[in-house]
Amino acid sequence: MRTIGFGTAGWDETYPGVWRQTASAQRMTLTLYRFDPGAAFPMHRHDQEQLAFVLRGSVEFQNTRARMTCRANELIFIPPNELHSATAGPEGAEVVSVVSPARRGTDDYTVEGRG
C-alpha cells in the first residue's frame, strides 16, 4: 500500500481552463480534473475504458451519437476507443476520472484531427 497526496502535487493545464492532477497504479490511472466555466476537453479517444464522476458543477459529455449532461454525484461510463469530449457548465466542474488499464503517459489519447 501507499498514499498519494494530491494536495501537494502541482496542477497541469491540459487545455485552456482544464486542469489536472494524476496518479497511476499498476492497472489504473486516476485523474482529478478542474474545469473553469465553459472549458472543454476536445474530442478524443483512448484504448482504456473510463469512469468519470462529477464531484461539483456539471459537464456535458458528447460522443458521435449523443450529448449527456452529468451533474454533481453522477457518473458516466465511456467504453474503450469511443470518440468523446467534455465541456464544463457555466459554474465549472470538478471530475474524478478513472481509466483502466493504466495510462502509459500523460497524453495517452488521440485528439480528433491530430491523428
C-alpha atoms as a PDB file:
ATOM      1  CA  MET A   1       0.000   0.000   0.000  1.00  0.00           C
ATOM      2  CA  ARG A   2       0.996   3.604  -0.492  1.00  0.00           C
ATOM      3  CA  THR A   3      -0.620   7.004  -0.160  1.00  0.00           C
ATOM      4  CA  ILE A   4      -0.522   9.813  -2.696  1.00  0.00           C
ATOM      5  CA  GLY A   5      -1.279  13.383  -1.636  1.00  0.00           C
ATOM      6  CA  PHE A   6      -2.982  15.342  -4.402  1.00  0.00           C
ATOM      7  CA  GLY A   7      -2.808  18.481  -2.264  1.00  0.00           C
ATOM      8  CA  THR A   8       0.981  18.536  -2.640  1.00  0.00           C
ATOM      9  CA  ALA A   9       1.054  17.840  -6.381  1.00  0.00           C
ATOM     10  CA  GLY A  10       1.018  20.658  -8.894  1.00  0.00           C
ATOM     11  CA  TRP A  11      -1.803  21.216 -11.368  1.00  0.00           C
ATOM     12  CA  ASP A  12      -1.144  20.715 -15.074  1.00  0.00           C
ATOM     13  CA  GLU A  13      -3.217  22.838 -17.503  1.00  0.00           C
ATOM     14  CA  THR A  14      -4.102  20.241 -20.124  1.00  0.00           C
ATOM     15  CA  TYR A  15      -6.234  22.572 -22.277  1.00  0.00           C
ATOM     16  CA  PRO A  16      -7.202  26.197 -21.626  1.00  0.00           C
ATOM     17  CA  GLY A  17      -9.166  26.177 -18.374  1.00  0.00           C
ATOM     18  CA  VAL A  18      -8.869  22.385 -17.891  1.00  0.00           C
ATOM     19  CA  TRP A  19      -6.539  21.479 -15.026  1.00  0.00           C
ATOM     20  CA  ARG A  20      -5.500  18.011 -13.837  1.00  0.00           C
ATOM     21  CA  GLN A  21      -3.620  16.033 -11.201  1.00  0.00           C
ATOM     22  CA  THR A  22      -2.895  12.385 -11.979  1.00  0.00           C
ATOM     23  CA  ALA A  23      -1.845   9.277 -10.074  1.00  0.00           C
ATOM     24  CA  SER A  24      -1.291   5.831 -11.560  1.00  0.00           C
ATOM     25  CA  ALA A  25      -1.209   2.347 -10.116  1.00  0.00           C
ATOM     26  CA  GLN A  26      -0.209  -0.802 -11.960  1.00  0.00           C
ATOM     27  CA  ARG A  27      -3.590  -1.306 -13.682  1.00  0.00           C
ATOM     28  CA  MET A  28      -5.442   2.017 -13.463  1.00  0.00           C
ATOM     29  CA  THR A  29      -4.989   5.768 -13.574  1.00  0.00           C
ATOM     30  CA  LEU A  30      -6.977   8.260 -11.512  1.00  0.00           C
ATOM     31  CA  THR A  31      -7.147  11.894 -12.590  1.00  0.00           C
ATOM     32  CA  LEU A  32      -8.740  14.811 -10.770  1.00  0.00           C
ATOM     33  CA  TYR A  33      -9.887  17.453 -13.269  1.00  0.00           C
ATOM     34  CA  ARG A  34     -10.912  21.036 -12.551  1.00  0.00           C
ATOM     35  CA  PHE A  35     -12.751  22.798 -15.361  1.00  0.00           C
ATOM     36  CA  ASP A  36     -13.188  26.561 -15.487  1.00  0.00           C
ATOM     37  CA  PRO A  37     -16.712  27.606 -16.565  1.00  0.00           C
ATOM     38  CA  GLY A  38     -17.250  26.558 -20.204  1.00  0.00           C
ATOM     39  CA  ALA A  39     -13.773  24.999 -20.544  1.00  0.00           C
ATOM     40  CA  ALA A  40     -13.538  21.958 -22.817  1.00  0.00           C
ATOM     41  CA  PHE A  41     -11.515  18.782 -23.282  1.00  0.00           C
ATOM     42  CA  PRO A  42     -11.702  18.233 -27.073  1.00  0.00           C
ATOM     43  CA  MET A  43     -12.969  15.185 -28.963  1.00  0.00           C
ATOM     44  CA  HIS A  44     -10.518  12.355 -28.350  1.00  0.00           C
ATOM     45  CA  ARG A  45     -10.279   8.609 -27.910  1.00  0.00           C
ATOM     46  CA  HIS A  46      -8.142   6.203 -25.890  1.00  0.00           C
ATOM     47  CA  ASP A  47      -7.892   2.454 -25.589  1.00  0.00           C
ATOM     48  CA  GLN A  48      -8.817   2.467 -21.884  1.00  0.00           C
ATOM     49  CA  GLU A  49     -12.335   2.230 -20.502  1.00  0.00           C
ATOM     50  CA  GLN A  50     -13.224   5.272 -18.392  1.00  0.00           C
ATOM     51  CA  LEU A  51     -15.451   6.123 -15.454  1.00  0.00           C
ATOM     52  CA  ALA A  52     -15.937   9.851 -14.808  1.00  0.00           C
ATOM     53  CA  PHE A  53     -17.615  11.006 -11.578  1.00  0.00           C
ATOM     54  CA  VAL A  54     -18.691  14.656 -11.312  1.00  0.00           C
ATOM     55  CA  LEU A  55     -17.902  16.000  -7.842  1.00  0.00           C
ATOM     56  CA  ARG A  56     -19.032  19.591  -8.384  1.00  0.00           C
ATOM     57  CA  GLY A  57     -20.749  21.540 -11.148  1.00  0.00           C
ATOM     58  CA  SER A  58     -21.795  19.937 -14.430  1.00  0.00           C
ATOM     59  CA  VAL A  59     -20.159  18.546 -17.550  1.00  0.00           C
ATOM     60  CA  GLU A  60     -21.648  17.886 -20.962  1.00  0.00           C
ATOM     61  CA  PHE A  61     -20.151  14.715 -22.413  1.00  0.00           C
ATOM     62  CA  GLN A  62     -20.553  14.188 -26.146  1.00  0.00           C
ATOM     63  CA  ASN A  63     -19.823  11.242 -28.410  1.00  0.00           C
ATOM     64  CA  THR A  64     -20.658  10.762 -32.105  1.00  0.00           C
ATOM     65  CA  ARG A  65     -24.285   9.846 -31.317  1.00  0.00           C
ATOM     66  CA  ALA A  66     -25.424  11.832 -28.278  1.00  0.00           C
ATOM     67  CA  ARG A  67     -24.842  14.542 -25.676  1.00  0.00           C
ATOM     68  CA  MET A  68     -25.324  13.860 -21.979  1.00  0.00           C
ATOM     69  CA  THR A  69     -25.043  16.294 -19.085  1.00  0.00           C
ATOM     70  CA  CYS A  70     -23.750  14.913 -15.798  1.00  0.00           C
ATOM     71  CA  ARG A  71     -24.174  16.884 -12.596  1.00  0.00           C
ATOM     72  CA  ALA A  72     -22.620  16.532  -9.148  1.00  0.00           C
ATOM     73  CA  ASN A  73     -22.835  12.957  -7.825  1.00  0.00           C
ATOM     74  CA  GLU A  74     -23.454  11.475 -11.287  1.00  0.00           C
ATOM     75  CA  LEU A  75     -21.188   9.041 -13.103  1.00  0.00           C
ATOM     76  CA  ILE A  76     -20.653   8.257 -16.778  1.00  0.00           C
ATOM     77  CA  PHE A  77     -19.038   5.187 -18.355  1.00  0.00           C
ATOM     78  CA  ILE A  78     -17.110   5.657 -21.600  1.00  0.00           C
ATOM     79  CA  PRO A  79     -16.129   2.453 -23.459  1.00  0.00           C
ATOM     80  CA  PRO A  80     -12.620   1.981 -24.887  1.00  0.00           C
ATOM     81  CA  ASN A  81     -11.909   3.715 -28.220  1.00  0.00           C
ATOM     82  CA  GLU A  82     -15.126   5.775 -28.142  1.00  0.00           C
ATOM     83  CA  LEU A  83     -14.669   9.281 -29.525  1.00  0.00           C
ATOM     84  CA  HIS A  84     -15.849  11.744 -26.847  1.00  0.00           C
ATOM     85  CA  SER A  85     -15.436  15.236 -25.397  1.00  0.00           C
ATOM     86  CA  ALA A  86     -16.241  17.030 -22.138  1.00  0.00           C
ATOM     87  CA  THR A  87     -17.355  20.650 -21.671  1.00  0.00           C
ATOM     88  CA  ALA A  88     -17.988  22.239 -18.282  1.00  0.00           C
ATOM     89  CA  GLY A  89     -21.222  24.030 -17.497  1.00  0.00           C
ATOM     90  CA  PRO A  90     -21.447  27.712 -16.520  1.00  0.00           C
ATOM     91  CA  GLU A  91     -20.330  27.027 -12.935  1.00  0.00           C
ATOM     92  CA  GLY A  92     -17.278  24.958 -13.928  1.00  0.00           C
ATOM     93  CA  ALA A  93     -16.724  21.440 -12.622  1.00  0.00           C
ATOM     94  CA  GLU A  94     -14.554  19.017 -10.688  1.00  0.00           C
ATOM     95  CA  VAL A  95     -14.402  15.463 -12.038  1.00  0.00           C
ATOM     96  CA  VAL A  96     -12.679  12.301 -10.865  1.00  0.00           C
ATOM     97  CA  SER A  97     -11.760  10.095 -13.816  1.00  0.00           C
ATOM     98  CA  VAL A  98     -10.506   6.517 -13.593  1.00  0.00           C
ATOM     99  CA  VAL A  99      -9.187   4.699 -16.658  1.00  0.00           C
ATOM    100  CA  SER A 100      -8.119   1.084 -16.959  1.00  0.00           C
ATOM    101  CA  PRO A 101      -5.674  -0.206 -17.956  1.00  0.00           C
ATOM    102  CA  ALA A 102      -3.324   2.470 -16.634  1.00  0.00           C
ATOM    103  CA  ARG A 103      -2.207   5.231 -18.967  1.00  0.00           C
ATOM    104  CA  ARG A 104       1.245   4.798 -20.480  1.00  0.00           C
ATOM    105  CA  GLY A 105       1.860   8.562 -20.268  1.00  0.00           C
ATOM    106  CA  THR A 106       0.078  11.856 -19.626  1.00  0.00           C
ATOM    107  CA  ASP A 107      -1.022  12.188 -23.255  1.00  0.00           C
ATOM    108  CA  ASP A 108      -2.044   8.572 -23.846  1.00  0.00           C
ATOM    109  CA  TYR A 109      -5.004   9.512 -26.082  1.00  0.00           C
ATOM    110  CA  THR A 110      -5.603  10.738 -29.628  1.00  0.00           C
ATOM    111  CA  VAL A 111      -7.305  14.087 -30.245  1.00  0.00           C
ATOM    112  CA  GLU A 112      -9.626  14.168 -33.266  1.00  0.00           C
ATOM    113  CA  GLY A 113      -7.901  15.849 -36.184  1.00  0.00           C
ATOM    114  CA  ARG A 114      -4.409  15.379 -34.733  1.00  0.00           C
ATOM    115  CA  GLY A 115      -4.014  11.662 -35.544  1.00  0.00           C
END
